[in-house]
Amino acid sequence: MSVTTTTHLNFRGQARAALEFYQSVFGGHIAVVTYKDAGNVQEESEADQVMWGQVLAENGFHVMAYDVPSRMGYDQGENSFFVSVRGKTAEEVTGHWEKLSDGATVVVPMGPAGWAPAYGMLRDRFGVVWVLDVEVEYNG
């Protein structure tokens, strides 16, 4: 038996734009089901918002997202979670970093770190904090 985890991001009306952006960064396939598609429209103005969505890429990237309906509380929060992306090479990680940086606030610039040849942290234009680094073998 195995278990996998997937980051599930919550938005207020920006889920589709965020999924499209992440697909442009990491590739893969996007799937979106709106509240209207699911027959679950509670508020007409939210009918075309995302009830369930994901980007799933052959390289292993997988993220899910939805738009929190207005009838539910929503607080984007501050540092409530990070999305961690680890690659095999600095070139791979830097390529994702450059795309994610569009409209982002850099928290820690991409560069060498004591535990990895490349590491960086940024808050993207949707408020999601991403940590990118190069995977290295544990030498403890």
C-alpha atoms as a PDB file:
ATOM      1  CA  MET A   1       0.000   0.000   0.000  1.00  0.00           C
ATOM      2  CA  SER A   2       1.234   3.518  -0.686  1.00  0.00           C
ATOM      3  CA  VAL A   3       0.075   7.015   0.122  1.00  0.00           C
ATOM      4  CA  THR A   4       0.788  10.177  -1.808  1.00  0.00           C
ATOM      5  CA  THR A   5       0.233  13.770  -0.818  1.00  0.00           C
ATOM      6  CA  THR A   6      -0.616  16.675  -3.076  1.00  0.00           C
ATOM      7  CA  THR A   7      -0.577  20.348  -2.253  1.00  0.00           C
ATOM      8  CA  HIS A   8      -4.125  21.729  -2.423  1.00  0.00           C
ATOM      9  CA  LEU A   9      -4.261  25.495  -2.819  1.00  0.00           C
ATOM     10  CA  ASN A  10      -7.325  27.541  -1.878  1.00  0.00           C
ATOM     11  CA  PHE A  11      -8.209  30.810  -3.585  1.00  0.00           C
ATOM     12  CA  ARG A  12     -11.049  33.285  -3.777  1.00  0.00           C
ATOM     13  CA  GLY A  13     -11.773  33.571  -7.494  1.00  0.00           C
ATOM     14  CA  GLN A  14      -8.191  33.087  -8.719  1.00  0.00           C
ATOM     15  CA  ALA A  15      -7.873  29.295  -8.888  1.00  0.00           C
ATOM     16  CA  ARG A  16      -8.149  29.008 -12.689  1.00  0.00           C
ATOM     17  CA  ALA A  17      -5.566  31.764 -13.273  1.00  0.00           C
ATOM     18  CA  ALA A  18      -3.220  30.158 -10.734  1.00  0.00           C
ATOM     19  CA  LEU A  19      -3.554  26.684 -12.296  1.00  0.00           C
ATOM     20  CA  GLU A  20      -2.915  28.103 -15.772  1.00  0.00           C
ATOM     21  CA  PHE A  21       0.159  29.913 -14.482  1.00  0.00           C
ATOM     22  CA  TYR A  22       1.552  26.804 -12.753  1.00  0.00           C
ATOM     23  CA  GLN A  23       0.952  24.779 -15.921  1.00  0.00           C
ATOM     24  CA  SER A  24       2.973  27.384 -17.865  1.00  0.00           C
ATOM     25  CA  VAL A  25       5.823  26.956 -15.370  1.00  0.00           C
ATOM     26  CA  PHE A  26       5.883  23.156 -14.908  1.00  0.00           C
ATOM     27  CA  GLY A  27       4.037  21.828 -17.963  1.00  0.00           C
ATOM     28  CA  GLY A  28       1.554  19.007 -17.743  1.00  0.00           C
ATOM     29  CA  HIS A  29      -2.174  18.815 -18.103  1.00  0.00           C
ATOM     30  CA  ILE A  30      -4.764  21.017 -16.470  1.00  0.00           C
ATOM     31  CA  ALA A  31      -8.215  19.799 -15.426  1.00  0.00           C
ATOM     32  CA  VAL A  32     -10.942  22.083 -14.089  1.00  0.00           C
ATOM     33  CA  VAL A  33     -14.480  21.399 -12.876  1.00  0.00           C
ATOM     34  CA  THR A  34     -16.545  24.508 -12.163  1.00  0.00           C
ATOM     35  CA  TYR A  35     -19.402  24.755  -9.696  1.00  0.00           C
ATOM     36  CA  LYS A  36     -21.715  24.899 -12.725  1.00  0.00           C
ATOM     37  CA  ASP A  37     -20.146  21.743 -14.233  1.00  0.00           C
ATOM     38  CA  ALA A  38     -20.798  19.901 -10.963  1.00  0.00           C
ATOM     39  CA  GLY A  39     -24.350  21.192 -10.586  1.00  0.00           C
ATOM     40  CA  ASN A  40     -23.374  22.823  -7.313  1.00  0.00           C
ATOM     41  CA  VAL A  41     -24.063  26.528  -7.913  1.00  0.00           C
ATOM     42  CA  GLN A  42     -24.957  28.235  -4.643  1.00  0.00           C
ATOM     43  CA  GLU A  43     -24.172  31.772  -5.796  1.00  0.00           C
ATOM     44  CA  GLU A  44     -24.758  32.583  -9.480  1.00  0.00           C
ATOM     45  CA  SER A  45     -21.737  34.921  -9.630  1.00  0.00           C
ATOM     46  CA  GLU A  46     -19.507  31.956  -8.673  1.00  0.00           C
ATOM     47  CA  ALA A  47     -20.892  29.437 -11.198  1.00  0.00           C
ATOM     48  CA  ASP A  48     -17.760  29.520 -13.374  1.00  0.00           C
ATOM     49  CA  GLN A  49     -15.303  29.418 -10.497  1.00  0.00           C
ATOM     50  CA  VAL A  50     -13.233  26.294  -9.832  1.00  0.00           C
ATOM     51  CA  MET A  51     -14.805  23.665  -7.590  1.00  0.00           C
ATOM     52  CA  TRP A  52     -11.954  21.251  -8.298  1.00  0.00           C
ATOM     53  CA  GLY A  53      -8.863  21.676 -10.420  1.00  0.00           C
ATOM     54  CA  GLN A  54      -5.386  20.309 -10.842  1.00  0.00           C
ATOM     55  CA  VAL A  55      -2.199  20.420 -12.850  1.00  0.00           C
ATOM     56  CA  LEU A  56      -0.536  17.033 -13.262  1.00  0.00           C
ATOM     57  CA  ALA A  57       2.734  16.758 -15.179  1.00  0.00           C
ATOM     58  CA  GLU A  58       4.774  13.807 -16.393  1.00  0.00           C
ATOM     59  CA  ASN A  59       7.779  15.192 -14.485  1.00  0.00           C
ATOM     60  CA  GLY A  60       5.974  14.488 -11.179  1.00  0.00           C
ATOM     61  CA  PHE A  61       4.583  17.970 -10.514  1.00  0.00           C
ATOM     62  CA  HIS A  62       1.049  17.854  -9.102  1.00  0.00           C
ATOM     63  CA  VAL A  63      -0.972  20.618  -7.482  1.00  0.00           C
ATOM     64  CA  MET A  64      -4.697  20.941  -6.834  1.00  0.00           C
ATOM     65  CA  ALA A  65      -6.742  24.112  -6.334  1.00  0.00           C
ATOM     66  CA  TYR A  66     -10.229  25.460  -5.864  1.00  0.00           C
ATOM     67  CA  ASP A  67     -12.113  28.697  -5.243  1.00  0.00           C
ATOM     68  CA  VAL A  68     -13.500  28.896  -1.723  1.00  0.00           C
ATOM     69  CA  PRO A  69     -17.177  29.888  -2.051  1.00  0.00           C
ATOM     70  CA  SER A  70     -18.203  33.239  -0.590  1.00  0.00           C
ATOM     71  CA  ARG A  71     -20.487  31.517   1.944  1.00  0.00           C
ATOM     72  CA  MET A  72     -17.358  30.055   3.593  1.00  0.00           C
ATOM     73  CA  GLY A  73     -14.688  31.939   5.482  1.00  0.00           C
ATOM     74  CA  TYR A  74     -11.411  32.525   3.709  1.00  0.00           C
ATOM     75  CA  ASP A  75      -8.141  33.981   4.933  1.00  0.00           C
ATOM     76  CA  GLN A  76      -5.169  33.588   2.634  1.00  0.00           C
ATOM     77  CA  GLY A  77      -2.965  33.520   5.696  1.00  0.00           C
ATOM     78  CA  GLU A  78       0.664  34.316   6.085  1.00  0.00           C
ATOM     79  CA  ASN A  79       3.202  31.506   5.767  1.00  0.00           C
ATOM     80  CA  SER A  80       0.559  28.880   6.509  1.00  0.00           C
ATOM     81  CA  PHE A  81       2.264  26.520   4.055  1.00  0.00           C
ATOM     82  CA  PHE A  82       5.059  26.398   1.479  1.00  0.00           C
ATOM     83  CA  VAL A  83       5.093  24.474  -1.758  1.00  0.00           C
ATOM     84  CA  SER A  84       8.460  22.744  -2.048  1.00  0.00           C
ATOM     85  CA  VAL A  85       9.880  21.921  -5.477  1.00  0.00           C
ATOM     86  CA  ARG A  86      13.062  19.857  -5.592  1.00  0.00           C
ATOM     87  CA  GLY A  87      14.958  19.160  -8.773  1.00  0.00           C
ATOM     88  CA  LYS A  88      17.991  17.107  -9.715  1.00  0.00           C
ATOM     89  CA  THR A  89      20.026  20.008 -11.162  1.00  0.00           C
ATOM     90  CA  ALA A  90      20.472  23.721 -10.565  1.00  0.00           C
ATOM     91  CA  GLU A  91      19.545  24.353 -14.191  1.00  0.00           C
ATOM     92  CA  GLU A  92      16.188  22.599 -13.791  1.00  0.00           C
ATOM     93  CA  VAL A  93      15.339  24.411 -10.563  1.00  0.00           C
ATOM     94  CA  THR A  94      16.510  27.782 -11.882  1.00  0.00           C
ATOM     95  CA  GLY A  95      14.292  27.386 -14.953  1.00  0.00           C
ATOM     96  CA  HIS A  96      11.221  26.968 -12.743  1.00  0.00           C
ATOM     97  CA  TRP A  97      12.389  29.815 -10.500  1.00  0.00           C
ATOM     98  CA  GLU A  98      12.664  32.219 -13.422  1.00  0.00           C
ATOM     99  CA  LYS A  99       9.082  31.495 -14.519  1.00  0.00           C
ATOM    100  CA  LEU A 100       7.613  31.578 -11.002  1.00  0.00           C
ATOM    101  CA  SER A 101       9.370  34.909 -10.381  1.00  0.00           C
ATOM    102  CA  ASP A 102       7.023  36.690 -12.808  1.00  0.00           C
ATOM    103  CA  GLY A 103       5.120  39.085 -10.545  1.00  0.00           C
ATOM    104  CA  ALA A 104       6.581  37.492  -7.391  1.00  0.00           C
ATOM    105  CA  THR A 105       8.223  38.866  -4.268  1.00  0.00           C
ATOM    106  CA  VAL A 106      11.561  37.206  -3.643  1.00  0.00           C
ATOM    107  CA  VAL A 107      11.949  36.150  -0.001  1.00  0.00           C
ATOM    108  CA  VAL A 108      15.355  34.446  -0.393  1.00  0.00           C
ATOM    109  CA  PRO A 109      17.177  34.946  -3.707  1.00  0.00           C
ATOM    110  CA  MET A 110      18.064  31.843  -5.695  1.00  0.00           C
ATOM    111  CA  GLY A 111      21.651  30.838  -4.983  1.00  0.00           C
ATOM    112  CA  PRO A 112      23.909  28.344  -3.243  1.00  0.00           C
ATOM    113  CA  ALA A 113      22.974  27.296   0.290  1.00  0.00           C
ATOM    114  CA  GLY A 114      24.762  25.253   2.937  1.00  0.00           C
ATOM    115  CA  TRP A 115      22.610  22.204   2.137  1.00  0.00           C
ATOM    116  CA  ALA A 116      22.084  22.566  -1.618  1.00  0.00           C
ATOM    117  CA  PRO A 117      23.850  23.925  -4.699  1.00  0.00           C
ATOM    118  CA  ALA A 118      20.766  26.095  -5.359  1.00  0.00           C
ATOM    119  CA  TYR A 119      17.967  27.286  -3.082  1.00  0.00           C
ATOM    120  CA  GLY A 120      15.443  30.109  -3.185  1.00  0.00           C
ATOM    121  CA  MET A 121      12.096  31.188  -1.734  1.00  0.00           C
ATOM    122  CA  LEU A 122       9.486  33.476  -3.250  1.00  0.00           C
ATOM    123  CA  ARG A 123       5.868  34.522  -2.787  1.00  0.00           C
ATOM    124  CA  ASP A 124       4.206  34.315  -6.207  1.00  0.00           C
ATOM    125  CA  ARG A 125       1.650  36.764  -7.586  1.00  0.00           C
ATOM    126  CA  PHE A 126      -1.137  34.654  -6.034  1.00  0.00           C
ATOM    127  CA  GLY A 127       0.361  34.838  -2.525  1.00  0.00           C
ATOM    128  CA  VAL A 128       1.676  31.246  -2.528  1.00  0.00           C
ATOM    129  CA  VAL A 129       5.140  30.755  -1.018  1.00  0.00           C
ATOM    130  CA  TRP A 130       7.397  28.446  -3.047  1.00  0.00           C
ATOM    131  CA  VAL A 131      10.687  26.929  -1.857  1.00  0.00           C
ATOM    132  CA  LEU A 132      12.865  25.608  -4.679  1.00  0.00           C
ATOM    133  CA  ASP A 133      16.094  23.699  -4.243  1.00  0.00           C
ATOM    134  CA  VAL A 134      18.338  21.022  -5.674  1.00  0.00           C
ATOM    135  CA  GLU A 135      17.968  17.611  -4.095  1.00  0.00           C
ATOM    136  CA  VAL A 136      21.202  16.257  -2.669  1.00  0.00           C
ATOM    137  CA  GLU A 137      21.933  12.976  -0.957  1.00  0.00           C
ATOM    138  CA  TYR A 138      21.636  13.157   2.825  1.00  0.00           C
ATOM    139  CA  ASN A 139      25.073  12.943   4.385  1.00  0.00           C
ATOM    140  CA  GLY A 140      24.162  12.864   8.095  1.00  0.00           C
END
